[in-house]
């Protein structure tokens, strides 16, 4: 239900269930979680790109599977929801940057996948819809990532209205970070990857931790956290190489030569 490939430091995780618009069920979630775990521990992987095959990016959870789990008893119902939640947290918590390549429709949990990624690049043909309320449901497990990404006010409107959002409006509210025409989408994703590969791998991971540590906290409450983080990073081998490369006007050792 997924397809993966790794080339020159970049791992692609393709959702490969196009006949179901890449809707995920328990088996697909298990495969995605295993792939992400492998990417996280593979030193050859610097950046992860999440993409979808077919016409859609991801239609969220497979409704047939969700209904089956809901009717399977309390344990099955609860476990399936926890499985979904853990996948989103594994994406957000991966120690490597994760880029969402959104070429088509994202619905429900598919929007959650976009929000869980560090950087989202969308085609102008993409759309985003949270229709849970129209099914008598609510976007509970994806809510932390949506609220963090777009803020409580925009998240509330998205959750309550259930209307389709264009790529342009998704960019306006901060759900995605860049948009491009369908013909230019891959080039825009490649530029994003190149920017990420220019950063030190350890520094990128540290930046992800830093955001989690300081988000929604008053500046005065994180003085020690931020000072400690910077002090540690300044004496690292990676920082020594990065600063030396800058002063010597040469590429740092982690920057790929001749592209990726």
Protein backbone atom coordinates (compact mmCIF):
# COMPACT_ATOMS: atom_id res chain seq x y z
CA UNK A 1 0.00 0.00 0.00
CA UNK A 2 3.06 2.22 0.01
CA UNK A 3 6.12 2.58 -2.16
CA UNK A 4 9.48 3.86 -0.99
CA UNK A 5 12.73 4.85 -2.63
CA UNK A 6 15.92 6.48 -1.40
CA UNK A 7 18.25 8.47 -3.61
CA UNK A 8 21.08 10.84 -2.68
CA UNK A 9 19.89 11.42 0.86
CA UNK A 10 16.19 11.83 0.03
CA UNK A 11 13.63 9.17 0.93
CA UNK A 12 10.26 9.23 -0.78
CA UNK A 13 7.28 7.58 0.86
CA UNK A 14 4.53 7.22 -1.74
CA UNK A 15 0.99 6.44 -0.65
CA UNK A 16 0.18 3.78 -3.22
CA UNK A 17 -3.52 3.03 -2.93
CA UNK A 18 -4.80 5.22 -5.77
CA UNK A 19 -7.97 3.19 -6.31
CA UNK A 20 -9.02 4.31 -2.80
CA UNK A 21 -7.59 7.82 -3.19
CA UNK A 22 -4.80 6.72 -0.84
CA UNK A 23 -7.16 6.38 2.10
CA UNK A 24 -5.36 4.60 4.92
CA UNK A 25 -6.46 1.54 6.87
CA UNK A 26 -4.70 -0.45 9.57
CA UNK A 27 -2.40 -2.29 7.17
CA UNK A 28 -1.35 0.90 5.39
CA UNK A 29 -0.73 2.67 8.72
CA UNK A 30 1.49 -0.21 9.82
CA UNK A 31 3.50 -0.04 6.60
CA UNK A 32 3.88 3.74 6.84
CA UNK A 33 5.00 3.55 10.47
CA UNK A 34 7.61 0.91 9.63
CA UNK A 35 8.95 2.97 6.72
CA UNK A 36 9.23 6.11 8.84
CA UNK A 37 11.02 4.20 11.59
CA UNK A 38 13.49 2.83 9.04
CA UNK A 39 14.09 6.30 7.57
CA UNK A 40 14.65 7.72 11.03
CA UNK A 41 17.48 5.30 11.79
CA UNK A 42 19.06 5.23 8.31
CA UNK A 43 22.07 7.57 8.23
CA UNK A 44 21.77 7.74 4.44
CA UNK A 45 18.40 9.50 4.75
CA UNK A 46 18.56 13.27 5.25
CA UNK A 47 15.08 14.34 4.11
CA UNK A 48 11.77 12.49 3.77
CA UNK A 49 9.15 13.39 1.16
CA UNK A 50 5.56 12.23 1.64
CA UNK A 51 3.60 12.00 -1.62
CA UNK A 52 0.59 10.26 -3.14
CA UNK A 53 0.05 8.25 -6.29
CA UNK A 54 -2.97 8.69 -8.54
CA UNK A 55 -5.26 11.70 -8.61
CA UNK A 56 -5.41 12.37 -4.86
CA UNK A 57 -2.86 13.04 -2.15
CA UNK A 58 -4.78 11.26 0.61
CA UNK A 59 -8.47 10.88 1.40
CA UNK A 60 -7.79 10.28 5.09
CA UNK A 61 -8.98 7.18 6.89
CA UNK A 62 -10.79 4.51 4.89
CA UNK A 63 -14.41 4.87 6.00
CA UNK A 64 -15.13 1.19 5.51
CA UNK A 65 -12.24 0.31 7.79
CA UNK A 66 -13.29 2.95 10.33
CA UNK A 67 -16.84 1.59 10.44
CA UNK A 68 -15.55 -1.95 10.82
CA UNK A 69 -13.34 -0.88 13.74
CA UNK A 70 -16.18 1.05 15.38
CA UNK A 71 -18.36 -2.04 15.24
CA UNK A 72 -15.61 -4.37 16.47
CA UNK A 73 -15.85 -3.52 20.14
CA UNK A 74 -14.28 -0.94 22.42
CA UNK A 75 -10.75 -2.33 22.25
CA UNK A 76 -10.59 -2.51 18.46
CA UNK A 77 -12.16 0.92 18.13
CA UNK A 78 -9.77 2.53 20.59
CA UNK A 79 -6.67 0.76 19.24
CA UNK A 80 -7.36 1.83 15.67
CA UNK A 81 -7.67 5.48 16.69
CA UNK A 82 -4.45 5.29 18.70
CA UNK A 83 -2.73 3.77 15.65
CA UNK A 84 -3.76 6.78 13.55
CA UNK A 85 -2.64 9.24 16.21
CA UNK A 86 0.75 7.57 16.58
CA UNK A 87 1.40 7.85 12.85
CA UNK A 88 0.90 11.63 12.88
CA UNK A 89 3.17 11.93 15.91
CA UNK A 90 5.84 9.78 14.25
CA UNK A 91 5.88 12.16 11.27
CA UNK A 92 6.06 15.29 13.40
CA UNK A 93 8.59 13.72 15.77
CA UNK A 94 10.94 12.30 13.13
CA UNK A 95 14.44 13.66 13.68
CA UNK A 96 14.63 14.52 9.98
CA UNK A 97 12.68 17.07 7.94
CA UNK A 98 9.52 15.74 6.32
CA UNK A 99 8.15 17.47 3.21
CA UNK A 100 4.58 16.99 2.02
CA UNK A 101 4.21 16.99 -1.77
CA UNK A 102 0.49 17.66 -2.23
CA UNK A 103 -0.55 17.25 -5.85
CA UNK A 104 -4.27 16.59 -5.45
CA UNK A 105 -7.09 16.38 -2.93
CA UNK A 106 -6.38 15.98 0.76
CA UNK A 107 -9.33 15.10 2.97
CA UNK A 108 -9.70 14.55 6.69
CA UNK A 109 -6.67 12.66 7.90
CA UNK A 110 -4.94 13.55 4.64
CA UNK A 111 -5.01 17.18 5.77
CA UNK A 112 -3.61 15.94 9.07
CA UNK A 113 -0.69 14.35 7.24
CA UNK A 114 0.03 17.70 5.58
CA UNK A 115 -0.07 19.50 8.92
CA UNK A 116 2.18 16.93 10.61
CA UNK A 117 4.91 17.44 7.98
CA UNK A 118 7.51 20.13 8.58
CA UNK A 119 7.13 21.78 5.17
CA UNK A 120 4.20 21.44 2.78
CA UNK A 121 4.38 22.25 -0.93
CA UNK A 122 1.10 22.09 -2.83
CA UNK A 123 0.02 22.17 -6.43
CA UNK A 124 -2.48 24.86 -7.35
CA UNK A 125 -4.68 21.89 -8.33
CA UNK A 126 -4.68 20.58 -4.76
CA UNK A 127 -7.58 21.04 -2.37
CA UNK A 128 -8.07 20.54 1.35
CA UNK A 129 -11.28 19.45 3.08
CA UNK A 130 -12.18 18.52 6.63
CA UNK A 131 -15.59 16.91 6.31
CA UNK A 132 -15.69 15.03 9.62
CA UNK A 133 -18.63 17.03 11.01
CA UNK A 134 -20.68 16.13 7.93
CA UNK A 135 -20.18 12.48 8.87
CA UNK A 136 -21.05 13.05 12.51
CA UNK A 137 -17.37 12.77 13.44
CA UNK A 138 -14.64 15.17 14.55
CA UNK A 139 -10.99 15.64 13.50
CA UNK A 140 -9.69 14.79 16.96
CA UNK A 141 -6.32 13.11 16.41
CA UNK A 142 -5.24 15.59 13.75
CA UNK A 143 -6.38 18.62 15.74
CA UNK A 144 -3.06 19.28 17.56
CA UNK A 145 -1.23 19.53 14.25
CA UNK A 146 -3.88 21.69 12.55
CA UNK A 147 -4.20 24.05 15.52
CA UNK A 148 -0.42 24.41 15.69
CA UNK A 149 -0.18 25.00 11.94
CA UNK A 150 -2.98 27.50 11.33
CA UNK A 151 -3.98 28.70 14.82
CA UNK A 152 -7.17 28.11 16.80
CA UNK A 153 -9.36 30.54 14.85
CA UNK A 154 -8.63 29.12 11.39
CA UNK A 155 -8.72 25.56 12.71
CA UNK A 156 -12.12 26.15 14.25
CA UNK A 157 -13.49 27.45 10.94
CA UNK A 158 -12.01 24.53 9.00
CA UNK A 159 -13.43 22.00 11.45
CA UNK A 160 -16.91 23.52 11.63
CA UNK A 161 -17.54 24.51 8.03
CA UNK A 162 -16.27 21.39 6.27
CA UNK A 163 -15.84 23.39 3.06
CA UNK A 164 -13.25 22.71 0.37
CA UNK A 165 -10.21 24.98 0.65
CA UNK A 166 -8.15 25.84 -2.42
CA UNK A 167 -4.37 25.65 -2.48
CA UNK A 168 -4.20 29.44 -2.57
CA UNK A 169 -6.34 29.75 0.56
CA UNK A 170 -4.38 26.96 2.24
CA UNK A 171 -1.22 28.98 1.62
CA UNK A 172 -2.90 32.16 2.88
CA UNK A 173 -3.81 30.62 6.23
CA UNK A 174 -0.47 28.85 6.62
CA UNK A 175 -1.57 25.26 6.06
CA UNK A 176 0.97 24.93 3.26
CA UNK A 177 4.21 26.82 2.89
CA UNK A 178 4.47 27.11 -0.88
CA UNK A 179 2.31 26.56 -3.94
CA UNK A 180 3.22 25.90 -7.55
CA UNK A 181 1.47 25.06 -10.79
CA UNK A 182 1.14 21.32 -11.45
CA UNK A 183 3.93 21.56 -14.03
CA UNK A 184 6.24 23.30 -11.54
CA UNK A 185 5.37 21.27 -8.42
CA UNK A 186 8.30 18.88 -8.56
CA UNK A 187 10.76 21.68 -9.25
CA UNK A 188 9.43 23.56 -6.22
CA UNK A 189 9.74 20.44 -4.08
CA UNK A 190 13.31 19.99 -5.33
CA UNK A 191 14.19 23.54 -4.29
CA UNK A 192 12.75 22.84 -0.86
CA UNK A 193 14.81 19.66 -0.57
CA UNK A 194 17.97 21.52 -1.64
CA UNK A 195 17.39 24.12 1.06
CA UNK A 196 16.99 21.41 3.69
CA UNK A 197 20.10 19.55 2.54
CA UNK A 198 22.07 22.77 2.99
CA UNK A 199 21.39 22.60 6.74
CA UNK A 200 23.44 20.50 9.12
CA UNK A 201 21.61 17.21 9.83
CA UNK A 202 22.06 17.54 13.58
CA UNK A 203 21.03 21.19 13.51
CA UNK A 204 17.86 20.34 11.60
CA UNK A 205 16.91 17.74 14.19
CA UNK A 206 17.73 20.19 16.98
CA UNK A 207 15.53 22.85 15.37
CA UNK A 208 12.57 20.46 15.34
CA UNK A 209 13.11 19.75 19.05
CA UNK A 210 13.50 23.47 19.76
CA UNK A 211 10.13 24.32 18.26
CA UNK A 212 8.46 21.63 20.36
CA UNK A 213 10.20 22.93 23.49
CA UNK A 214 9.26 26.60 23.07
CA UNK A 215 5.88 26.48 21.27
CA UNK A 216 3.07 28.27 23.10
CA UNK A 217 5.34 29.20 26.04
CA UNK A 218 6.24 32.69 27.19
CA UNK A 219 9.79 33.80 26.24
CA UNK A 220 10.71 34.26 29.90
CA UNK A 221 9.78 30.62 30.58
CA UNK A 222 12.26 29.18 28.09
CA UNK A 223 15.38 31.25 28.71
CA UNK A 224 17.29 28.30 30.16
CA UNK A 225 15.99 25.89 27.49
CA UNK A 226 17.02 28.08 24.57
CA UNK A 227 20.35 29.13 26.09
CA UNK A 228 21.27 25.52 26.78
CA UNK A 229 20.25 24.46 23.28
CA UNK A 230 22.45 27.08 21.63
CA UNK A 231 25.40 26.53 23.96
CA UNK A 232 25.36 22.80 23.19
CA UNK A 233 25.10 23.36 19.47
CA UNK A 234 27.96 25.91 19.34
CA UNK A 235 30.48 23.39 20.71
CA UNK A 236 29.36 20.56 18.40
CA UNK A 237 31.58 19.21 15.64
CA UNK A 238 28.89 20.03 13.12
CA UNK A 239 28.78 23.69 14.15
CA UNK A 240 32.56 23.90 14.04
CA UNK A 241 32.50 22.60 10.47
CA UNK A 242 29.65 24.90 9.46
CA UNK A 243 31.29 28.05 10.82
CA UNK A 244 34.68 27.10 9.38
CA UNK A 245 33.11 26.49 5.96
CA UNK A 246 31.46 29.91 6.08
CA UNK A 247 34.66 31.69 7.01
CA UNK A 248 36.64 29.76 4.41
CA UNK A 249 33.99 30.44 1.77
CA UNK A 250 33.47 26.77 0.92
CA UNK A 251 30.49 24.40 1.11
CA UNK A 252 30.03 22.60 4.41
CA UNK A 253 30.82 18.91 4.36
CA UNK A 254 27.17 17.83 4.54
CA UNK A 255 26.08 19.72 1.41
CA UNK A 256 25.71 17.33 -1.55
CA UNK A 257 28.06 17.91 -4.42
CA UNK A 258 26.36 18.28 -7.78
CA UNK A 259 22.81 17.97 -6.53
CA UNK A 260 21.12 14.97 -4.97
